[in-house]
Amino acid sequence: MLATLPTATTAQPVFSVTNLVILVILGAIFYPLQKKLRESASRRRRERWAEEDRLAELEREERDRPPSTDEPG
């Protein structure tokens, strides 16, 4: 146990070049994927909002339209 104590207490490098390379590679992979996902989600959300606005406008026009007098009475 005493033989392993000095090796356990030696200072390990906090950030190595290898870790930096791995971080850069992960950033190069995941940043474009994340950006594309956000753009896709934003586009779908804008399309959904446009469709909801269109349906609300149709509903408003239908509600504001006077009743038809085509019915025999």
PDB file of N, CA and C in Angstrom:
ATOM      1  N   MET A   1       0.821  -1.192   0.000  1.00  0.00           N
ATOM      2  CA  MET A   1       0.000   0.000   0.000  1.00  0.00           C
ATOM      3  C   MET A   1       0.865   1.256   0.000  1.00  0.00           C
ATOM      4  N   LEU A   2       1.951   1.245   0.725  1.00  0.00           N
ATOM      5  CA  LEU A   2       2.832   2.400   0.755  1.00  0.00           C
ATOM      6  C   LEU A   2       3.526   2.612  -0.579  1.00  0.00           C
ATOM      7  N   ALA A   3       3.725   1.562  -1.334  1.00  0.00           N
ATOM      8  CA  ALA A   3       4.378   1.694  -2.629  1.00  0.00           C
ATOM      9  C   ALA A   3       3.473   2.398  -3.635  1.00  0.00           C
ATOM     10  N   THR A   4       2.169   2.241  -3.504  1.00  0.00           N
ATOM     11  CA  THR A   4       1.261   2.875  -4.457  1.00  0.00           C
ATOM     12  C   THR A   4       0.884   4.288  -4.050  1.00  0.00           C
ATOM     13  N   LEU A   5       1.155   4.663  -2.818  1.00  0.00           N
ATOM     14  CA  LEU A   5       0.789   5.996  -2.349  1.00  0.00           C
ATOM     15  C   LEU A   5       1.478   7.108  -3.134  1.00  0.00           C
ATOM     16  N   PRO A   6       2.786   7.055  -3.401  1.00  0.00           N
ATOM     17  CA  PRO A   6       3.408   8.139  -4.176  1.00  0.00           C
ATOM     18  C   PRO A   6       2.856   8.231  -5.600  1.00  0.00           C
ATOM     19  N   THR A   7       2.525   7.131  -6.223  1.00  0.00           N
ATOM     20  CA  THR A   7       1.999   7.196  -7.581  1.00  0.00           C
ATOM     21  C   THR A   7       0.583   7.753  -7.587  1.00  0.00           C
ATOM     22  N   ALA A   8      -0.167   7.546  -6.522  1.00  0.00           N
ATOM     23  CA  ALA A   8      -1.530   8.053  -6.457  1.00  0.00           C
ATOM     24  C   ALA A   8      -1.560   9.546  -6.189  1.00  0.00           C
ATOM     25  N   THR A   9      -0.525  10.058  -5.558  1.00  0.00           N
ATOM     26  CA  THR A   9      -0.519  11.480  -5.207  1.00  0.00           C
ATOM     27  C   THR A   9       0.215  12.346  -6.210  1.00  0.00           C
ATOM     28  N   THR A  10       0.830  11.743  -7.245  1.00  0.00           N
ATOM     29  CA  THR A  10       1.517  12.565  -8.244  1.00  0.00           C
ATOM     30  C   THR A  10       0.489  13.351  -9.030  1.00  0.00           C
ATOM     31  N   ALA A  11       0.836  14.567  -9.360  1.00  0.00           N
ATOM     32  CA  ALA A  11      -0.088  15.454 -10.078  1.00  0.00           C
ATOM     33  C   ALA A  11      -0.259  14.965 -11.513  1.00  0.00           C
ATOM     34  N   GLN A  12      -1.487  14.780 -11.895  1.00  0.00           N
ATOM     35  CA  GLN A  12      -1.815  14.394 -13.261  1.00  0.00           C
ATOM     36  C   GLN A  12      -2.062  15.669 -14.064  1.00  0.00           C
ATOM     37  N   PRO A  13      -1.691  15.671 -15.346  1.00  0.00           N
ATOM     38  CA  PRO A  13      -1.966  16.866 -16.152  1.00  0.00           C
ATOM     39  C   PRO A  13      -3.477  17.082 -16.264  1.00  0.00           C
ATOM     40  N   VAL A  14      -3.883  18.316 -16.061  1.00  0.00           N
ATOM     41  CA  VAL A  14      -5.313  18.623 -16.075  1.00  0.00           C
ATOM     42  C   VAL A  14      -5.849  18.604 -17.494  1.00  0.00           C
ATOM     43  N   PHE A  15      -5.108  19.152 -18.430  1.00  0.00           N
ATOM     44  CA  PHE A  15      -5.586  19.242 -19.798  1.00  0.00           C
ATOM     45  C   PHE A  15      -4.413  18.974 -20.726  1.00  0.00           C
ATOM     46  N   SER A  16      -4.495  17.904 -21.496  1.00  0.00           N
ATOM     47  CA  SER A  16      -3.395  17.547 -22.388  1.00  0.00           C
ATOM     48  C   SER A  16      -3.743  17.898 -23.832  1.00  0.00           C
ATOM     49  N   VAL A  17      -2.756  17.804 -24.678  1.00  0.00           N
ATOM     50  CA  VAL A  17      -2.953  18.060 -26.105  1.00  0.00           C
ATOM     51  C   VAL A  17      -3.944  17.054 -26.689  1.00  0.00           C
ATOM     52  N   THR A  18      -3.846  15.809 -26.238  1.00  0.00           N
ATOM     53  CA  THR A  18      -4.774  14.775 -26.706  1.00  0.00           C
ATOM     54  C   THR A  18      -6.208  15.150 -26.375  1.00  0.00           C
ATOM     55  N   ASN A  19      -6.428  15.628 -25.152  1.00  0.00           N
ATOM     56  CA  ASN A  19      -7.782  16.052 -24.773  1.00  0.00           C
ATOM     57  C   ASN A  19      -8.250  17.226 -25.625  1.00  0.00           C
ATOM     58  N   LEU A  20      -7.354  18.131 -25.963  1.00  0.00           N
ATOM     59  CA  LEU A  20      -7.703  19.271 -26.805  1.00  0.00           C
ATOM     60  C   LEU A  20      -8.098  18.803 -28.203  1.00  0.00           C
ATOM     61  N   VAL A  21      -7.342  17.860 -28.755  1.00  0.00           N
ATOM     62  CA  VAL A  21      -7.656  17.329 -30.084  1.00  0.00           C
ATOM     63  C   VAL A  21      -9.020  16.640 -30.069  1.00  0.00           C
ATOM     64  N   ILE A  22      -9.280  15.857 -29.043  1.00  0.00           N
ATOM     65  CA  ILE A  22     -10.581  15.181 -28.930  1.00  0.00           C
ATOM     66  C   ILE A  22     -11.703  16.203 -28.836  1.00  0.00           C
ATOM     67  N   LEU A  23     -11.513  17.236 -28.055  1.00  0.00           N
ATOM     68  CA  LEU A  23     -12.522  18.282 -27.906  1.00  0.00           C
ATOM     69  C   LEU A  23     -12.792  18.992 -29.233  1.00  0.00           C
ATOM     70  N   VAL A  24     -11.736  19.284 -29.986  1.00  0.00           N
ATOM     71  CA  VAL A  24     -11.895  19.945 -31.278  1.00  0.00           C
ATOM     72  C   VAL A  24     -12.644  19.044 -32.249  1.00  0.00           C
ATOM     73  N   ILE A  25     -12.304  17.766 -32.281  1.00  0.00           N
ATOM     74  CA  ILE A  25     -12.984  16.832 -33.181  1.00  0.00           C
ATOM     75  C   ILE A  25     -14.462  16.711 -32.815  1.00  0.00           C
ATOM     76  N   LEU A  26     -14.755  16.578 -31.526  1.00  0.00           N
ATOM     77  CA  LEU A  26     -16.155  16.490 -31.105  1.00  0.00           C
ATOM     78  C   LEU A  26     -16.925  17.759 -31.452  1.00  0.00           C
ATOM     79  N   GLY A  27     -16.276  18.906 -31.267  1.00  0.00           N
ATOM     80  CA  GLY A  27     -16.918  20.166 -31.633  1.00  0.00           C
ATOM     81  C   GLY A  27     -17.181  20.250 -33.129  1.00  0.00           C
ATOM     82  N   ALA A  28     -16.232  19.770 -33.923  1.00  0.00           N
ATOM     83  CA  ALA A  28     -16.381  19.801 -35.382  1.00  0.00           C
ATOM     84  C   ALA A  28     -17.495  18.876 -35.844  1.00  0.00           C
ATOM     85  N   ILE A  29     -17.782  17.851 -35.082  1.00  0.00           N
ATOM     86  CA  ILE A  29     -18.848  16.915 -35.452  1.00  0.00           C
ATOM     87  C   ILE A  29     -20.204  17.400 -34.929  1.00  0.00           C
ATOM     88  N   PHE A  30     -20.254  17.745 -33.649  1.00  0.00           N
ATOM     89  CA  PHE A  30     -21.545  18.013 -33.030  1.00  0.00           C
ATOM     90  C   PHE A  30     -22.082  19.416 -33.267  1.00  0.00           C
ATOM     91  N   TYR A  31     -21.241  20.418 -33.467  1.00  0.00           N
ATOM     92  CA  TYR A  31     -21.749  21.773 -33.694  1.00  0.00           C
ATOM     93  C   TYR A  31     -22.588  21.860 -34.975  1.00  0.00           C
ATOM     94  N   PRO A  32     -22.111  21.349 -36.117  1.00  0.00           N
ATOM     95  CA  PRO A  32     -22.964  21.407 -37.319  1.00  0.00           C
ATOM     96  C   PRO A  32     -24.259  20.599 -37.158  1.00  0.00           C
ATOM     97  N   LEU A  33     -24.181  19.459 -36.476  1.00  0.00           N
ATOM     98  CA  LEU A  33     -25.401  18.673 -36.256  1.00  0.00           C
ATOM     99  C   LEU A  33     -26.397  19.434 -35.396  1.00  0.00           C
ATOM    100  N   GLN A  34     -25.915  20.059 -34.342  1.00  0.00           N
ATOM    101  CA  GLN A  34     -26.778  20.826 -33.457  1.00  0.00           C
ATOM    102  C   GLN A  34     -27.374  22.020 -34.203  1.00  0.00           C
ATOM    103  N   LYS A  35     -26.570  22.672 -35.019  1.00  0.00           N
ATOM    104  CA  LYS A  35     -27.042  23.830 -35.783  1.00  0.00           C
ATOM    105  C   LYS A  35     -28.129  23.410 -36.772  1.00  0.00           C
ATOM    106  N   LYS A  36     -27.921  22.299 -37.455  1.00  0.00           N
ATOM    107  CA  LYS A  36     -28.904  21.812 -38.417  1.00  0.00           C
ATOM    108  C   LYS A  36     -30.198  21.419 -37.713  1.00  0.00           C
ATOM    109  N   LEU A  37     -30.087  20.780 -36.560  1.00  0.00           N
ATOM    110  CA  LEU A  37     -31.269  20.393 -35.793  1.00  0.00           C
ATOM    111  C   LEU A  37     -32.054  21.619 -35.344  1.00  0.00           C
ATOM    112  N   ARG A  38     -31.363  22.646 -34.868  1.00  0.00           N
ATOM    113  CA  ARG A  38     -32.050  23.869 -34.429  1.00  0.00           C
ATOM    114  C   ARG A  38     -32.735  24.559 -35.605  1.00  0.00           C
ATOM    115  N   GLU A  39     -32.074  24.622 -36.761  1.00  0.00           N
ATOM    116  CA  GLU A  39     -32.675  25.243 -37.934  1.00  0.00           C
ATOM    117  C   GLU A  39     -33.910  24.477 -38.376  1.00  0.00           C
ATOM    118  N   SER A  40     -33.832  23.161 -38.354  1.00  0.00           N
ATOM    119  CA  SER A  40     -34.969  22.329 -38.736  1.00  0.00           C
ATOM    120  C   SER A  40     -36.135  22.533 -37.771  1.00  0.00           C
ATOM    121  N   ALA A  41     -35.858  22.562 -36.489  1.00  0.00           N
ATOM    122  CA  ALA A  41     -36.909  22.769 -35.490  1.00  0.00           C
ATOM    123  C   ALA A  41     -37.531  24.154 -35.649  1.00  0.00           C
ATOM    124  N   SER A  42     -36.717  25.163 -35.901  1.00  0.00           N
ATOM    125  CA  SER A  42     -37.236  26.519 -36.089  1.00  0.00           C
ATOM    126  C   SER A  42     -38.119  26.599 -37.325  1.00  0.00           C
ATOM    127  N   ARG A  43     -37.672  25.966 -38.408  1.00  0.00           N
ATOM    128  CA  ARG A  43     -38.461  25.980 -39.638  1.00  0.00           C
ATOM    129  C   ARG A  43     -39.802  25.302 -39.428  1.00  0.00           C
ATOM    130  N   ARG A  44     -39.810  24.136 -38.776  1.00  0.00           N
ATOM    131  CA  ARG A  44     -41.075  23.439 -38.517  1.00  0.00           C
ATOM    132  C   ARG A  44     -41.984  24.255 -37.607  1.00  0.00           C
ATOM    133  N   ARG A  45     -41.397  24.920 -36.623  1.00  0.00           N
ATOM    134  CA  ARG A  45     -42.196  25.741 -35.708  1.00  0.00           C
ATOM    135  C   ARG A  45     -42.823  26.917 -36.466  1.00  0.00           C
ATOM    136  N   ARG A  46     -42.040  27.580 -37.333  1.00  0.00           N
ATOM    137  CA  ARG A  46     -42.596  28.687 -38.126  1.00  0.00           C
ATOM    138  C   ARG A  46     -43.700  28.193 -39.056  1.00  0.00           C
ATOM    139  N   GLU A  47     -43.521  27.011 -39.663  1.00  0.00           N
ATOM    140  CA  GLU A  47     -44.561  26.453 -40.529  1.00  0.00           C
ATOM    141  C   GLU A  47     -45.825  26.145 -39.728  1.00  0.00           C
ATOM    142  N   ARG A  48     -45.657  25.583 -38.540  1.00  0.00           N
ATOM    143  CA  ARG A  48     -46.808  25.268 -37.696  1.00  0.00           C
ATOM    144  C   ARG A  48     -47.534  26.547 -37.290  1.00  0.00           C
ATOM    145  N   TRP A  49     -46.786  27.575 -36.915  1.00  0.00           N
ATOM    146  CA  TRP A  49     -47.414  28.838 -36.532  1.00  0.00           C
ATOM    147  C   TRP A  49     -48.153  29.453 -37.716  1.00  0.00           C
ATOM    148  N   ALA A  50     -47.578  29.392 -38.903  1.00  0.00           N
ATOM    149  CA  ALA A  50     -48.234  29.930 -40.098  1.00  0.00           C
ATOM    150  C   ALA A  50     -49.530  29.181 -40.369  1.00  0.00           C
ATOM    151  N   GLU A  51     -49.505  27.858 -40.219  1.00  0.00           N
ATOM    152  CA  GLU A  51     -50.721  27.064 -40.434  1.00  0.00           C
ATOM    153  C   GLU A  51     -51.773  27.395 -39.381  1.00  0.00           C
ATOM    154  N   GLU A  52     -51.344  27.541 -38.133  1.00  0.00           N
ATOM    155  CA  GLU A  52     -52.303  27.904 -37.077  1.00  0.00           C
ATOM    156  C   GLU A  52     -52.897  29.283 -37.332  1.00  0.00           C
ATOM    157  N   ASP A  53     -52.090  30.232 -37.778  1.00  0.00           N
ATOM    158  CA  ASP A  53     -52.596  31.568 -38.104  1.00  0.00           C
ATOM    159  C   ASP A  53     -53.596  31.509 -39.254  1.00  0.00           C
ATOM    160  N   ARG A  54     -53.273  30.686 -40.265  1.00  0.00           N
ATOM    161  CA  ARG A  54     -54.177  30.561 -41.410  1.00  0.00           C
ATOM    162  C   ARG A  54     -55.514  29.970 -40.980  1.00  0.00           C
ATOM    163  N   LEU A  55     -55.469  28.927 -40.149  1.00  0.00           N
ATOM    164  CA  LEU A  55     -56.710  28.311 -39.670  1.00  0.00           C
ATOM    165  C   LEU A  55     -57.496  29.262 -38.776  1.00  0.00           C
ATOM    166  N   ALA A  56     -56.815  30.029 -37.957  1.00  0.00           N
ATOM    167  CA  ALA A  56     -57.499  30.997 -37.096  1.00  0.00           C
ATOM    168  C   ALA A  56     -58.161  32.078 -37.939  1.00  0.00           C
ATOM    169  N   GLU A  57     -57.486  32.509 -39.007  1.00  0.00           N
ATOM    170  CA  GLU A  57     -58.068  33.518 -39.889  1.00  0.00           C
ATOM    171  C   GLU A  57     -59.305  32.969 -40.593  1.00  0.00           C
ATOM    172  N   LEU A  58     -59.241  31.732 -41.063  1.00  0.00           N
ATOM    173  CA  LEU A  58     -60.417  31.127 -41.695  1.00  0.00           C
ATOM    174  C   LEU A  58     -61.570  31.005 -40.702  1.00  0.00           C
ATOM    175  N   GLU A  59     -61.249  30.615 -39.490  1.00  0.00           N
ATOM    176  CA  GLU A  59     -62.284  30.488 -38.461  1.00  0.00           C
ATOM    177  C   GLU A  59     -62.895  31.848 -38.140  1.00  0.00           C
ATOM    178  N   ARG A  60     -62.065  32.880 -38.079  1.00  0.00           N
ATOM    179  CA  ARG A  60     -62.559  34.237 -37.821  1.00  0.00           C
ATOM    180  C   ARG A  60     -63.463  34.700 -38.955  1.00  0.00           C
ATOM    181  N   GLU A  61     -63.053  34.449 -40.208  1.00  0.00           N
ATOM    182  CA  GLU A  61     -63.878  34.839 -41.357  1.00  0.00           C
ATOM    183  C   GLU A  61     -65.209  34.099 -41.339  1.00  0.00           C
ATOM    184  N   GLU A  62     -65.170  32.823 -41.001  1.00  0.00           N
ATOM    185  CA  GLU A  62     -66.394  32.022 -40.949  1.00  0.00           C
ATOM    186  C   GLU A  62     -67.335  32.555 -39.868  1.00  0.00           C
ATOM    187  N   ARG A  63     -66.769  32.919 -38.731  1.00  0.00           N
ATOM    188  CA  ARG A  63     -67.577  33.406 -37.619  1.00  0.00           C
ATOM    189  C   ARG A  63     -68.136  34.796 -37.924  1.00  0.00           C
ATOM    190  N   ASP A  64     -67.374  35.645 -38.604  1.00  0.00           N
ATOM    191  CA  ASP A  64     -67.803  37.021 -38.889  1.00  0.00           C
ATOM    192  C   ASP A  64     -68.752  37.105 -40.090  1.00  0.00           C
ATOM    193  N   ARG A  65     -68.812  36.060 -40.887  1.00  0.00           N
ATOM    194  CA  ARG A  65     -69.674  36.053 -42.070  1.00  0.00           C
ATOM    195  C   ARG A  65     -71.139  36.038 -41.609  1.00  0.00           C
ATOM    196  N   PRO A  66     -71.981  36.878 -42.202  1.00  0.00           N
ATOM    197  CA  PRO A  66     -73.399  36.835 -41.803  1.00  0.00           C
ATOM    198  C   PRO A  66     -74.034  35.520 -42.228  1.00  0.00           C
ATOM    199  N   PRO A  67     -75.055  35.090 -41.512  1.00  0.00           N
ATOM    200  CA  PRO A  67     -75.697  33.816 -41.868  1.00  0.00           C
ATOM    201  C   PRO A  67     -76.302  33.886 -43.267  1.00  0.00           C
ATOM    202  N   SER A  68     -76.234  32.774 -43.960  1.00  0.00           N
ATOM    203  CA  SER A  68     -76.741  32.760 -45.344  1.00  0.00           C
ATOM    204  C   SER A  68     -78.266  32.774 -45.325  1.00  0.00           C
ATOM    205  N   THR A  69     -78.841  33.403 -46.347  1.00  0.00           N
ATOM    206  CA  THR A  69     -80.310  33.498 -46.458  1.00  0.00           C
ATOM    207  C   THR A  69     -80.806  32.555 -47.537  1.00  0.00           C
ATOM    208  N   ASP A  70     -80.030  31.523 -47.853  1.00  0.00           N
ATOM    209  CA  ASP A  70     -80.408  30.573 -48.897  1.00  0.00           C
ATOM    210  C   ASP A  70     -81.454  29.581 -48.408  1.00  0.00           C
ATOM    211  N   GLU A  71     -81.649  29.468 -47.107  1.00  0.00           N
ATOM    212  CA  GLU A  71     -82.566  28.477 -46.575  1.00  0.00           C
ATOM    213  C   GLU A  71     -84.020  28.948 -46.809  1.00  0.00           C
ATOM    214  N   PRO A  72     -84.874  28.043 -47.295  1.00  0.00           N
ATOM    215  CA  PRO A  72     -86.281  28.420 -47.469  1.00  0.00           C
ATOM    216  C   PRO A  72     -86.947  28.571 -46.102  1.00  0.00           C
ATOM    217  N   GLY A  73     -87.735  29.563 -45.931  1.00  0.00           N
ATOM    218  CA  GLY A  73     -88.278  29.752 -44.618  1.00  0.00           C
ATOM    219  C   GLY A  73     -89.598  30.287 -44.607  1.00  0.00           C
TER     220      GLY A  73
END
